[in-house]
Amino acid sequence: MSYVDGFVLAVPKDKVEDYRKMAELGREVWMDHGALGYMEAIADDVPYGELTSFPRAVMAKEDEITFFSYIVYRDRAHRDDVQAKVMADPRMNFDPADSPFDMKRMIFGGFSGMVEG
């Protein structure tokens, strides 16, 4: 079964293009180091729920748009190997203060596949 790192975050609408550039670099770096797939998806049909929702989860503000992203690996060991290479890659050296989104509100985690198709 595959392993997936998943992310949900909110980006100010006026910084979406800056985020796109960051995401394109991320895709390049992760894929260069062996990730099987990389996806950055912008909210298109994501209502603000009364109790829970993707926007609520990241405390999205009126001027922000929610992103859902994931990276696919063969398994957890492959993910750990790729992640170590990514973190050592000099292309990933940036000041978090320069991030186009509030990294403190990003949700992330690793998931083992259960059903695949």
PDB file of N, CA and C in Angstrom:
ATOM      1  N   MET A   1       0.831  -1.199   0.000  1.00  0.00           N
ATOM      2  CA  MET A   1       0.000   0.000   0.000  1.00  0.00           C
ATOM      3  C   MET A   1       0.871   1.256   0.000  1.00  0.00           C
ATOM      4  N   SER A   2       0.407   2.259  -0.678  1.00  0.00           N
ATOM      5  CA  SER A   2       1.115   3.531  -0.750  1.00  0.00           C
ATOM      6  C   SER A   2       1.071   4.262   0.585  1.00  0.00           C
ATOM      7  N   TYR A   3       1.907   5.274   0.680  1.00  0.00           N
ATOM      8  CA  TYR A   3       1.929   6.168   1.837  1.00  0.00           C
ATOM      9  C   TYR A   3       1.734   7.576   1.295  1.00  0.00           C
ATOM     10  N   VAL A   4       0.993   8.413   2.022  1.00  0.00           N
ATOM     11  CA  VAL A   4       0.684   9.763   1.563  1.00  0.00           C
ATOM     12  C   VAL A   4       0.942  10.766   2.669  1.00  0.00           C
ATOM     13  N   ASP A   5       1.606  11.860   2.334  1.00  0.00           N
ATOM     14  CA  ASP A   5       1.659  13.032   3.205  1.00  0.00           C
ATOM     15  C   ASP A   5       0.565  13.966   2.718  1.00  0.00           C
ATOM     16  N   GLY A   6      -0.307  14.414   3.616  1.00  0.00           N
ATOM     17  CA  GLY A   6      -1.399  15.302   3.244  1.00  0.00           C
ATOM     18  C   GLY A   6      -1.301  16.636   3.958  1.00  0.00           C
ATOM     19  N   PHE A   7      -1.797  17.689   3.304  1.00  0.00           N
ATOM     20  CA  PHE A   7      -1.707  19.055   3.820  1.00  0.00           C
ATOM     21  C   PHE A   7      -2.984  19.815   3.509  1.00  0.00           C
ATOM     22  N   VAL A   8      -3.423  20.662   4.419  1.00  0.00           N
ATOM     23  CA  VAL A   8      -4.495  21.617   4.174  1.00  0.00           C
ATOM     24  C   VAL A   8      -3.998  22.949   4.705  1.00  0.00           C
ATOM     25  N   LEU A   9      -4.159  24.005   3.911  1.00  0.00           N
ATOM     26  CA  LEU A   9      -3.678  25.330   4.318  1.00  0.00           C
ATOM     27  C   LEU A   9      -4.497  26.415   3.645  1.00  0.00           C
ATOM     28  N   ALA A  10      -4.394  27.624   4.166  1.00  0.00           N
ATOM     29  CA  ALA A  10      -5.106  28.782   3.619  1.00  0.00           C
ATOM     30  C   ALA A  10      -4.086  29.786   3.100  1.00  0.00           C
ATOM     31  N   VAL A  11      -4.335  30.281   1.896  1.00  0.00           N
ATOM     32  CA  VAL A  11      -3.432  31.241   1.250  1.00  0.00           C
ATOM     33  C   VAL A  11      -4.217  32.523   0.969  1.00  0.00           C
ATOM     34  N   PRO A  12      -3.663  33.680   1.329  1.00  0.00           N
ATOM     35  CA  PRO A  12      -4.332  34.930   0.960  1.00  0.00           C
ATOM     36  C   PRO A  12      -4.518  34.984  -0.562  1.00  0.00           C
ATOM     37  N   LYS A  13      -5.689  35.408  -0.998  1.00  0.00           N
ATOM     38  CA  LYS A  13      -5.996  35.425  -2.433  1.00  0.00           C
ATOM     39  C   LYS A  13      -4.994  36.236  -3.233  1.00  0.00           C
ATOM     40  N   ASP A  14      -4.443  37.282  -2.634  1.00  0.00           N
ATOM     41  CA  ASP A  14      -3.473  38.091  -3.369  1.00  0.00           C
ATOM     42  C   ASP A  14      -2.062  37.481  -3.373  1.00  0.00           C
ATOM     43  N   LYS A  15      -1.901  36.300  -2.756  1.00  0.00           N
ATOM     44  CA  LYS A  15      -0.598  35.625  -2.743  1.00  0.00           C
ATOM     45  C   LYS A  15      -0.654  34.244  -3.402  1.00  0.00           C
ATOM     46  N   VAL A  16      -1.752  33.965  -4.113  1.00  0.00           N
ATOM     47  CA  VAL A  16      -1.885  32.656  -4.756  1.00  0.00           C
ATOM     48  C   VAL A  16      -0.767  32.433  -5.773  1.00  0.00           C
ATOM     49  N   GLU A  17      -0.402  33.449  -6.532  1.00  0.00           N
ATOM     50  CA  GLU A  17       0.668  33.275  -7.523  1.00  0.00           C
ATOM     51  C   GLU A  17       2.012  33.008  -6.834  1.00  0.00           C
ATOM     52  N   ASP A  18       2.267  33.657  -5.707  1.00  0.00           N
ATOM     53  CA  ASP A  18       3.490  33.370  -4.942  1.00  0.00           C
ATOM     54  C   ASP A  18       3.463  31.934  -4.437  1.00  0.00           C
ATOM     55  N   TYR A  19       2.290  31.487  -3.988  1.00  0.00           N
ATOM     56  CA  TYR A  19       2.169  30.108  -3.519  1.00  0.00           C
ATOM     57  C   TYR A  19       2.378  29.127  -4.671  1.00  0.00           C
ATOM     58  N   ARG A  20       1.854  29.451  -5.852  1.00  0.00           N
ATOM     59  CA  ARG A  20       2.044  28.590  -7.016  1.00  0.00           C
ATOM     60  C   ARG A  20       3.541  28.386  -7.287  1.00  0.00           C
ATOM     61  N   LYS A  21       4.306  29.458  -7.222  1.00  0.00           N
ATOM     62  CA  LYS A  21       5.759  29.349  -7.452  1.00  0.00           C
ATOM     63  C   LYS A  21       6.407  28.452  -6.406  1.00  0.00           C
ATOM     64  N   MET A  22       5.992  28.602  -5.142  1.00  0.00           N
ATOM     65  CA  MET A  22       6.520  27.759  -4.069  1.00  0.00           C
ATOM     66  C   MET A  22       6.133  26.295  -4.319  1.00  0.00           C
ATOM     67  N   ALA A  23       4.890  26.067  -4.719  1.00  0.00           N
ATOM     68  CA  ALA A  23       4.398  24.714  -4.973  1.00  0.00           C
ATOM     69  C   ALA A  23       5.121  24.074  -6.155  1.00  0.00           C
ATOM     70  N   GLU A  24       5.390  24.849  -7.192  1.00  0.00           N
ATOM     71  CA  GLU A  24       6.110  24.306  -8.350  1.00  0.00           C
ATOM     72  C   GLU A  24       7.524  23.888  -7.965  1.00  0.00           C
ATOM     73  N   LEU A  25       8.166  24.684  -7.115  1.00  0.00           N
ATOM     74  CA  LEU A  25       9.489  24.298  -6.615  1.00  0.00           C
ATOM     75  C   LEU A  25       9.371  23.041  -5.764  1.00  0.00           C
ATOM     76  N   GLY A  26       8.367  22.982  -4.897  1.00  0.00           N
ATOM     77  CA  GLY A  26       8.158  21.795  -4.078  1.00  0.00           C
ATOM     78  C   GLY A  26       7.987  20.553  -4.930  1.00  0.00           C
ATOM     79  N   ARG A  27       7.147  20.658  -5.955  1.00  0.00           N
ATOM     80  CA  ARG A  27       6.938  19.516  -6.864  1.00  0.00           C
ATOM     81  C   ARG A  27       8.264  19.063  -7.479  1.00  0.00           C
ATOM     82  N   GLU A  28       9.042  20.013  -7.945  1.00  0.00           N
ATOM     83  CA  GLU A  28      10.332  19.693  -8.567  1.00  0.00           C
ATOM     84  C   GLU A  28      11.248  18.971  -7.581  1.00  0.00           C
ATOM     85  N   VAL A  29      11.355  19.492  -6.373  1.00  0.00           N
ATOM     86  CA  VAL A  29      12.260  18.917  -5.377  1.00  0.00           C
ATOM     87  C   VAL A  29      11.786  17.524  -4.956  1.00  0.00           C
ATOM     88  N   TRP A  30      10.497  17.385  -4.610  1.00  0.00           N
ATOM     89  CA  TRP A  30      10.000  16.075  -4.161  1.00  0.00           C
ATOM     90  C   TRP A  30      10.123  15.033  -5.270  1.00  0.00           C
ATOM     91  N   MET A  31       9.759  15.411  -6.491  1.00  0.00           N
ATOM     92  CA  MET A  31       9.836  14.449  -7.593  1.00  0.00           C
ATOM     93  C   MET A  31      11.284  14.102  -7.919  1.00  0.00           C
ATOM     94  N   ASP A  32      12.188  15.079  -7.832  1.00  0.00           N
ATOM     95  CA  ASP A  32      13.624  14.809  -8.060  1.00  0.00           C
ATOM     96  C   ASP A  32      14.159  13.782  -7.068  1.00  0.00           C
ATOM     97  N   HIS A  33      13.591  13.768  -5.865  1.00  0.00           N
ATOM     98  CA  HIS A  33      14.090  12.864  -4.829  1.00  0.00           C
ATOM     99  C   HIS A  33      13.273  11.578  -4.706  1.00  0.00           C
ATOM    100  N   GLY A  34      12.358  11.341  -5.646  1.00  0.00           N
ATOM    101  CA  GLY A  34      11.728  10.040  -5.729  1.00  0.00           C
ATOM    102  C   GLY A  34      10.257   9.930  -5.375  1.00  0.00           C
ATOM    103  N   ALA A  35       9.586  11.032  -5.038  1.00  0.00           N
ATOM    104  CA  ALA A  35       8.146  10.939  -4.769  1.00  0.00           C
ATOM    105  C   ALA A  35       7.450  10.391  -6.012  1.00  0.00           C
ATOM    106  N   LEU A  36       6.399   9.629  -5.813  1.00  0.00           N
ATOM    107  CA  LEU A  36       5.659   9.035  -6.933  1.00  0.00           C
ATOM    108  C   LEU A  36       4.619   9.984  -7.515  1.00  0.00           C
ATOM    109  N   GLY A  37       4.129  10.905  -6.702  1.00  0.00           N
ATOM    110  CA  GLY A  37       3.134  11.864  -7.155  1.00  0.00           C
ATOM    111  C   GLY A  37       3.118  13.077  -6.248  1.00  0.00           C
ATOM    112  N   TYR A  38       2.677  14.206  -6.797  1.00  0.00           N
ATOM    113  CA  TYR A  38       2.656  15.462  -6.051  1.00  0.00           C
ATOM    114  C   TYR A  38       1.457  16.255  -6.555  1.00  0.00           C
ATOM    115  N   MET A  39       0.587  16.693  -5.653  1.00  0.00           N
ATOM    116  CA  MET A  39      -0.612  17.437  -6.049  1.00  0.00           C
ATOM    117  C   MET A  39      -0.806  18.641  -5.139  1.00  0.00           C
ATOM    118  N   GLU A  40      -1.060  19.783  -5.751  1.00  0.00           N
ATOM    119  CA  GLU A  40      -1.476  20.998  -5.048  1.00  0.00           C
ATOM    120  C   GLU A  40      -2.810  21.382  -5.659  1.00  0.00           C
ATOM    121  N   ALA A  41      -3.874  21.376  -4.880  1.00  0.00           N
ATOM    122  CA  ALA A  41      -5.213  21.643  -5.399  1.00  0.00           C
ATOM    123  C   ALA A  41      -5.845  22.825  -4.687  1.00  0.00           C
ATOM    124  N   ILE A  42      -6.392  23.748  -5.469  1.00  0.00           N
ATOM    125  CA  ILE A  42      -7.030  24.949  -4.939  1.00  0.00           C
ATOM    126  C   ILE A  42      -8.539  24.701  -4.791  1.00  0.00           C
ATOM    127  N   ALA A  43      -9.109  25.210  -3.719  1.00  0.00           N
ATOM    128  CA  ALA A  43     -10.533  25.000  -3.439  1.00  0.00           C
ATOM    129  C   ALA A  43     -11.395  25.502  -4.595  1.00  0.00           C
ATOM    130  N   ASP A  44     -12.355  24.661  -4.977  1.00  0.00           N
ATOM    131  CA  ASP A  44     -13.277  25.000  -6.048  1.00  0.00           C
ATOM    132  C   ASP A  44     -14.721  24.805  -5.585  1.00  0.00           C
ATOM    133  N   ASP A  45     -14.944  23.753  -4.820  1.00  0.00           N
ATOM    134  CA  ASP A  45     -16.277  23.439  -4.305  1.00  0.00           C
ATOM    135  C   ASP A  45     -16.109  23.026  -2.844  1.00  0.00           C
ATOM    136  N   VAL A  46     -15.779  24.007  -2.000  1.00  0.00           N
ATOM    137  CA  VAL A  46     -15.441  23.739  -0.600  1.00  0.00           C
ATOM    138  C   VAL A  46     -16.221  24.719   0.284  1.00  0.00           C
ATOM    139  N   PRO A  47     -17.449  24.349   0.641  1.00  0.00           N
ATOM    140  CA  PRO A  47     -18.259  25.252   1.459  1.00  0.00           C
ATOM    141  C   PRO A  47     -17.696  25.405   2.878  1.00  0.00           C
ATOM    142  N   TYR A  48     -17.981  26.543   3.451  1.00  0.00           N
ATOM    143  CA  TYR A  48     -17.614  26.817   4.842  1.00  0.00           C
ATOM    144  C   TYR A  48     -18.686  26.176   5.709  1.00  0.00           C
ATOM    145  N   GLY A  49     -18.374  25.059   6.330  1.00  0.00           N
ATOM    146  CA  GLY A  49     -19.359  24.300   7.100  1.00  0.00           C
ATOM    147  C   GLY A  49     -19.761  24.972   8.401  1.00  0.00           C
ATOM    148  N   GLU A  50     -20.920  24.569   8.900  1.00  0.00           N
ATOM    149  CA  GLU A  50     -21.392  25.110  10.175  1.00  0.00           C
ATOM    150  C   GLU A  50     -20.541  24.632  11.341  1.00  0.00           C
ATOM    151  N   LEU A  51     -20.131  23.362  11.308  1.00  0.00           N
ATOM    152  CA  LEU A  51     -19.314  22.810  12.389  1.00  0.00           C
ATOM    153  C   LEU A  51     -17.889  22.504  11.949  1.00  0.00           C
ATOM    154  N   THR A  52     -17.762  21.826  10.812  1.00  0.00           N
ATOM    155  CA  THR A  52     -16.437  21.457  10.317  1.00  0.00           C
ATOM    156  C   THR A  52     -16.370  21.672   8.813  1.00  0.00           C
ATOM    157  N   SER A  53     -15.181  21.921   8.324  1.00  0.00           N
ATOM    158  CA  SER A  53     -14.931  22.048   6.891  1.00  0.00           C
ATOM    159  C   SER A  53     -13.437  22.289   6.718  1.00  0.00           C
ATOM    160  N   PHE A  54     -12.974  22.158   5.491  1.00  0.00           N
ATOM    161  CA  PHE A  54     -11.567  22.458   5.224  1.00  0.00           C
ATOM    162  C   PHE A  54     -11.241  23.911   5.588  1.00  0.00           C
ATOM    163  N   PRO A  55     -12.040  24.903   5.160  1.00  0.00           N
ATOM    164  CA  PRO A  55     -11.716  26.281   5.549  1.00  0.00           C
ATOM    165  C   PRO A  55     -11.710  26.498   7.068  1.00  0.00           C
ATOM    166  N   ARG A  56     -12.669  25.903   7.769  1.00  0.00           N
ATOM    167  CA  ARG A  56     -12.700  26.044   9.236  1.00  0.00           C
ATOM    168  C   ARG A  56     -11.468  25.417   9.873  1.00  0.00           C
ATOM    169  N   ALA A  57     -11.041  24.280   9.344  1.00  0.00           N
ATOM    170  CA  ALA A  57      -9.909  23.558   9.922  1.00  0.00           C
ATOM    171  C   ALA A  57      -8.644  24.409   9.950  1.00  0.00           C
ATOM    172  N   VAL A  58      -8.471  25.271   8.937  1.00  0.00           N
ATOM    173  CA  VAL A  58      -7.269  26.108   8.871  1.00  0.00           C
ATOM    174  C   VAL A  58      -7.572  27.566   9.203  1.00  0.00           C
ATOM    175  N   MET A  59      -8.770  27.798   9.766  1.00  0.00           N
ATOM    176  CA  MET A  59      -9.200  29.143  10.161  1.00  0.00           C
ATOM    177  C   MET A  59      -9.059  30.138   9.009  1.00  0.00           C
ATOM    178  N   ALA A  60      -9.520  29.717   7.815  1.00  0.00           N
ATOM    179  CA  ALA A  60      -9.429  30.581   6.632  1.00  0.00           C
ATOM    180  C   ALA A  60     -10.222  31.862   6.846  1.00  0.00           C
ATOM    181  N   LYS A  61      -9.622  32.957   6.431  1.00  0.00           N
ATOM    182  CA  LYS A  61     -10.254  34.272   6.540  1.00  0.00           C
ATOM    183  C   LYS A  61     -10.976  34.597   5.236  1.00  0.00           C
ATOM    184  N   GLU A  62     -11.765  35.663   5.231  1.00  0.00           N
ATOM    185  CA  GLU A  62     -12.530  36.078   4.042  1.00  0.00           C
ATOM    186  C   GLU A  62     -11.645  36.235   2.805  1.00  0.00           C
ATOM    187  N   ASP A  63     -10.429  36.718   3.005  1.00  0.00           N
ATOM    188  CA  ASP A  63      -9.546  37.009   1.874  1.00  0.00           C
ATOM    189  C   ASP A  63      -8.578  35.853   1.570  1.00  0.00           C
ATOM    190  N   GLU A  64      -8.906  34.644   2.051  1.00  0.00           N
ATOM    191  CA  GLU A  64      -8.036  33.491   1.833  1.00  0.00           C
ATOM    192  C   GLU A  64      -8.770  32.380   1.092  1.00  0.00           C
ATOM    193  N   ILE A  65      -7.992  31.553   0.410  1.00  0.00           N
ATOM    194  CA  ILE A  65      -8.515  30.379  -0.298  1.00  0.00           C
ATOM    195  C   ILE A  65      -7.816  29.150   0.258  1.00  0.00           C
ATOM    196  N   THR A  66      -8.554  28.068   0.353  1.00  0.00           N
ATOM    197  CA  THR A  66      -8.030  26.835   0.937  1.00  0.00           C
ATOM    198  C   THR A  66      -7.378  25.959  -0.122  1.00  0.00           C
ATOM    199  N   PHE A  67      -6.279  25.331   0.253  1.00  0.00           N
ATOM    200  CA  PHE A  67      -5.582  24.369  -0.602  1.00  0.00           C
ATOM    201  C   PHE A  67      -5.556  23.016   0.089  1.00  0.00           C
ATOM    202  N   PHE A  68      -5.667  21.971  -0.707  1.00  0.00           N
ATOM    203  CA  PHE A  68      -5.506  20.591  -0.265  1.00  0.00           C
ATOM    204  C   PHE A  68      -4.385  20.011  -1.114  1.00  0.00           C
ATOM    205  N   SER A  69      -3.389  19.440  -0.457  1.00  0.00           N
ATOM    206  CA  SER A  69      -2.210  18.962  -1.172  1.00  0.00           C
ATOM    207  C   SER A  69      -1.790  17.606  -0.643  1.00  0.00           C
ATOM    208  N   TYR A  70      -1.134  16.836  -1.501  1.00  0.00           N
ATOM    209  CA  TYR A  70      -0.612  15.555  -1.038  1.00  0.00           C
ATOM    210  C   TYR A  70       0.569  15.112  -1.884  1.00  0.00           C
ATOM    211  N   ILE A  71       1.388  14.269  -1.274  1.00  0.00           N
ATOM    212  CA  ILE A  71       2.559  13.679  -1.919  1.00  0.00           C
ATOM    213  C   ILE A  71       2.455  12.176  -1.724  1.00  0.00           C
ATOM    214  N   VAL A  72       2.713  11.411  -2.779  1.00  0.00           N
ATOM    215  CA  VAL A  72       2.546   9.957  -2.749  1.00  0.00           C
ATOM    216  C   VAL A  72       3.909   9.268  -2.776  1.00  0.00           C
ATOM    217  N   TYR A  73       4.025   8.223  -1.944  1.00  0.00           N
ATOM    218  CA  TYR A  73       5.247   7.416  -1.843  1.00  0.00           C
ATOM    219  C   TYR A  73       4.883   5.936  -1.924  1.00  0.00           C
ATOM    220  N   ARG A  74       5.881   5.076  -2.110  1.00  0.00           N
ATOM    221  CA  ARG A  74       5.641   3.624  -2.127  1.00  0.00           C
ATOM    222  C   ARG A  74       5.151   3.133  -0.770  1.00  0.00           C
ATOM    223  N   ASP A  75       5.805   3.603   0.299  1.00  0.00           N
ATOM    224  CA  ASP A  75       5.484   3.172   1.658  1.00  0.00           C
ATOM    225  C   ASP A  75       6.126   4.152   2.628  1.00  0.00           C
ATOM    226  N   ARG A  76       5.969   3.915   3.912  1.00  0.00           N
ATOM    227  CA  ARG A  76       6.500   4.831   4.931  1.00  0.00           C
ATOM    228  C   ARG A  76       8.021   4.941   4.862  1.00  0.00           C
ATOM    229  N   ALA A  77       8.717   3.832   4.655  1.00  0.00           N
ATOM    230  CA  ALA A  77      10.179   3.874   4.571  1.00  0.00           C
ATOM    231  C   ALA A  77      10.626   4.731   3.382  1.00  0.00           C
ATOM    232  N   HIS A  78       9.927   4.592   2.249  1.00  0.00           N
ATOM    233  CA  HIS A  78      10.242   5.412   1.070  1.00  0.00           C
ATOM    234  C   HIS A  78       9.997   6.884   1.383  1.00  0.00           C
ATOM    235  N   ARG A  79       8.882   7.177   2.054  1.00  0.00           N
ATOM    236  CA  ARG A  79       8.598   8.564   2.441  1.00  0.00           C
ATOM    237  C   ARG A  79       9.695   9.134   3.329  1.00  0.00           C
ATOM    238  N   ASP A  80      10.118   8.365   4.329  1.00  0.00           N
ATOM    239  CA  ASP A  80      11.154   8.850   5.240  1.00  0.00           C
ATOM    240  C   ASP A  80      12.454   9.120   4.497  1.00  0.00           C
ATOM    241  N   ASP A  81      12.795   8.263   3.530  1.00  0.00           N
ATOM    242  CA  ASP A  81      14.002   8.444   2.724  1.00  0.00           C
ATOM    243  C   ASP A  81      13.892   9.694   1.850  1.00  0.00           C
ATOM    244  N   VAL A  82      12.776   9.844   1.149  1.00  0.00           N
ATOM    245  CA  VAL A  82      12.576  11.018   0.294  1.00  0.00           C
ATOM    246  C   VAL A  82      12.562  12.288   1.142  1.00  0.00           C
ATOM    247  N   GLN A  83      11.855  12.266   2.256  1.00  0.00           N
ATOM    248  CA  GLN A  83      11.748  13.445   3.120  1.00  0.00           C
ATOM    249  C   GLN A  83      13.126  13.908   3.607  1.00  0.00           C
ATOM    250  N   ALA A  84      13.990  12.963   3.989  1.00  0.00           N
ATOM    251  CA  ALA A  84      15.337  13.318   4.452  1.00  0.00           C
ATOM    252  C   ALA A  84      16.119  14.011   3.333  1.00  0.00           C
ATOM    253  N   LYS A  85      15.985  13.512   2.118  1.00  0.00           N
ATOM    254  CA  LYS A  85      16.681  14.123   0.970  1.00  0.00           C
ATOM    255  C   LYS A  85      16.121  15.506   0.670  1.00  0.00           C
ATOM    256  N   VAL A  86      14.797  15.650   0.738  1.00  0.00           N
ATOM    257  CA  VAL A  86      14.162  16.946   0.486  1.00  0.00           C
ATOM    258  C   VAL A  86      14.637  17.978   1.512  1.00  0.00           C
ATOM    259  N   MET A  87      14.650  17.608   2.783  1.00  0.00           N
ATOM    260  CA  MET A  87      15.044  18.552   3.831  1.00  0.00           C
ATOM    261  C   MET A  87      16.518  18.945   3.721  1.00  0.00           C
ATOM    262  N   ALA A  88      17.341  18.092   3.127  1.00  0.00           N
ATOM    263  CA  ALA A  88      18.767  18.410   2.937  1.00  0.00           C
ATOM    264  C   ALA A  88      19.026  19.166   1.639  1.00  0.00           C
ATOM    265  N   ASP A  89      18.032  19.280   0.784  1.00  0.00           N
ATOM    266  CA  ASP A  89      18.195  19.927  -0.518  1.00  0.00           C
ATOM    267  C   ASP A  89      18.287  21.441  -0.333  1.00  0.00           C
ATOM    268  N   PRO A  90      19.346  22.071  -0.863  1.00  0.00           N
ATOM    269  CA  PRO A  90      19.508  23.519  -0.681  1.00  0.00           C
ATOM    270  C   PRO A  90      18.385  24.351  -1.304  1.00  0.00           C
ATOM    271  N   ARG A  91      17.638  23.796  -2.237  1.00  0.00           N
ATOM    272  CA  ARG A  91      16.508  24.535  -2.821  1.00  0.00           C
ATOM    273  C   ARG A  91      15.394  24.761  -1.810  1.00  0.00           C
ATOM    274  N   MET A  92      15.403  23.992  -0.723  1.00  0.00           N
ATOM    275  CA  MET A  92      14.363  24.114   0.290  1.00  0.00           C
ATOM    276  C   MET A  92      14.744  25.082   1.412  1.00  0.00           C
ATOM    277  N   ASN A  93      15.890  25.705   1.310  1.00  0.00           N
ATOM    278  CA  ASN A  93      16.322  26.670   2.327  1.00  0.00           C
ATOM    279  C   ASN A  93      15.636  28.010   2.078  1.00  0.00           C
ATOM    280  N   PHE A  94      14.641  28.309   2.876  1.00  0.00           N
ATOM    281  CA  PHE A  94      13.977  29.605   2.788  1.00  0.00           C
ATOM    282  C   PHE A  94      13.564  30.032   4.193  1.00  0.00           C
ATOM    283  N   ASP A  95      13.393  31.298   4.345  1.00  0.00           N
ATOM    284  CA  ASP A  95      12.981  31.854   5.628  1.00  0.00           C
ATOM    285  C   ASP A  95      11.470  31.694   5.760  1.00  0.00           C
ATOM    286  N   PRO A  96      10.990  30.983   6.784  1.00  0.00           N
ATOM    287  CA  PRO A  96       9.540  30.818   6.952  1.00  0.00           C
ATOM    288  C   PRO A  96       8.794  32.149   7.006  1.00  0.00           C
ATOM    289  N   ALA A  97       9.458  33.215   7.397  1.00  0.00           N
ATOM    290  CA  ALA A  97       8.816  34.532   7.424  1.00  0.00           C
ATOM    291  C   ALA A  97       8.460  35.001   6.012  1.00  0.00           C
ATOM    292  N   ASP A  98       9.103  34.420   4.993  1.00  0.00           N
ATOM    293  CA  ASP A  98       8.828  34.784   3.604  1.00  0.00           C
ATOM    294  C   ASP A  98       7.724  33.923   2.978  1.00  0.00           C
ATOM    295  N   SER A  99       7.147  33.027   3.745  1.00  0.00           N
ATOM    296  CA  SER A  99       6.112  32.136   3.229  1.00  0.00           C
ATOM    297  C   SER A  99       4.877  32.942   2.800  1.00  0.00           C
ATOM    298  N   PRO A 100       4.243  32.556   1.680  1.00  0.00           N
ATOM    299  CA  PRO A 100       3.038  33.274   1.250  1.00  0.00           C
ATOM    300  C   PRO A 100       1.781  32.884   2.030  1.00  0.00           C
ATOM    301  N   PHE A 101       1.922  32.030   3.053  1.00  0.00           N
ATOM    302  CA  PHE A 101       0.778  31.646   3.886  1.00  0.00           C
ATOM    303  C   PHE A 101       1.237  31.489   5.323  1.00  0.00           C
ATOM    304  N   ASP A 102       0.292  31.465   6.241  1.00  0.00           N
ATOM    305  CA  ASP A 102       0.582  31.331   7.664  1.00  0.00           C
ATOM    306  C   ASP A 102       0.823  29.853   7.979  1.00  0.00           C
ATOM    307  N   MET A 103       2.078  29.488   8.141  1.00  0.00           N
ATOM    308  CA  MET A 103       2.454  28.093   8.342  1.00  0.00           C
ATOM    309  C   MET A 103       1.923  27.528   9.662  1.00  0.00           C
ATOM    310  N   LYS A 104       1.598  28.397  10.614  1.00  0.00           N
ATOM    311  CA  LYS A 104       1.075  27.929  11.897  1.00  0.00           C
ATOM    312  C   LYS A 104      -0.328  27.342  11.762  1.00  0.00           C
ATOM    313  N   ARG A 105      -1.041  27.706  10.689  1.00  0.00           N
ATOM    314  CA  ARG A 105      -2.404  27.204  10.492  1.00  0.00           C
ATOM    315  C   ARG A 105      -2.469  26.048   9.500  1.00  0.00           C
ATOM    316  N   MET A 106      -1.331  25.578   9.031  1.00  0.00           N
ATOM    317  CA  MET A 106      -1.296  24.454   8.105  1.00  0.00           C
ATOM    318  C   MET A 106      -1.506  23.152   8.885  1.00  0.00           C
ATOM    319  N   ILE A 107      -2.353  22.279   8.337  1.00  0.00           N
ATOM    320  CA  ILE A 107      -2.563  20.950   8.906  1.00  0.00           C
ATOM    321  C   ILE A 107      -1.805  19.972   8.028  1.00  0.00           C
ATOM    322  N   PHE A 108      -1.073  19.044   8.642  1.00  0.00           N
ATOM    323  CA  PHE A 108      -0.321  18.079   7.847  1.00  0.00           C
ATOM    324  C   PHE A 108      -0.193  16.775   8.611  1.00  0.00           C
ATOM    325  N   GLY A 109       0.057  15.718   7.870  1.00  0.00           N
ATOM    326  CA  GLY A 109       0.250  14.408   8.491  1.00  0.00           C
ATOM    327  C   GLY A 109       0.532  13.351   7.453  1.00  0.00           C
ATOM    328  N   GLY A 110       1.031  12.214   7.929  1.00  0.00           N
ATOM    329  CA  GLY A 110       1.333  11.071   7.077  1.00  0.00           C
ATOM    330  C   GLY A 110       0.272   9.991   7.252  1.00  0.00           C
ATOM    331  N   PHE A 111      -0.100   9.350   6.143  1.00  0.00           N
ATOM    332  CA  PHE A 111      -1.184   8.372   6.134  1.00  0.00           C
ATOM    333  C   PHE A 111      -0.781   7.125   5.363  1.00  0.00           C
ATOM    334  N   SER A 112      -1.018   5.976   5.968  1.00  0.00           N
ATOM    335  CA  SER A 112      -0.814   4.692   5.303  1.00  0.00           C
ATOM    336  C   SER A 112      -2.059   4.356   4.497  1.00  0.00           C
ATOM    337  N   GLY A 113      -1.849   3.896   3.269  1.00  0.00           N
ATOM    338  CA  GLY A 113      -2.978   3.525   2.417  1.00  0.00           C
ATOM    339  C   GLY A 113      -3.760   2.377   3.015  1.00  0.00           C
ATOM    340  N   MET A 114      -5.080   2.398   2.844  1.00  0.00           N
ATOM    341  CA  MET A 114      -5.918   1.315   3.314  1.00  0.00           C
ATOM    342  C   MET A 114      -6.695   0.699   2.144  1.00  0.00           C
ATOM    343  N   VAL A 115      -7.270   1.556   1.300  1.00  0.00           N
ATOM    344  CA  VAL A 115      -7.956   1.112   0.096  1.00  0.00           C
ATOM    345  C   VAL A 115      -7.394   1.938  -1.057  1.00  0.00           C
ATOM    346  N   GLU A 116      -6.977   1.271  -2.108  1.00  0.00           N
ATOM    347  CA  GLU A 116      -6.382   1.979  -3.249  1.00  0.00           C
ATOM    348  C   GLU A 116      -7.008   1.514  -4.537  1.00  0.00           C
ATOM    349  N   GLY A 117      -6.921   2.361  -5.539  1.00  0.00           N
ATOM    350  CA  GLY A 117      -7.433   1.981  -6.836  1.00  0.00           C
ATOM    351  C   GLY A 117      -6.797   2.758  -7.935  1.00  0.00           C
TER     352      GLY A 117
END
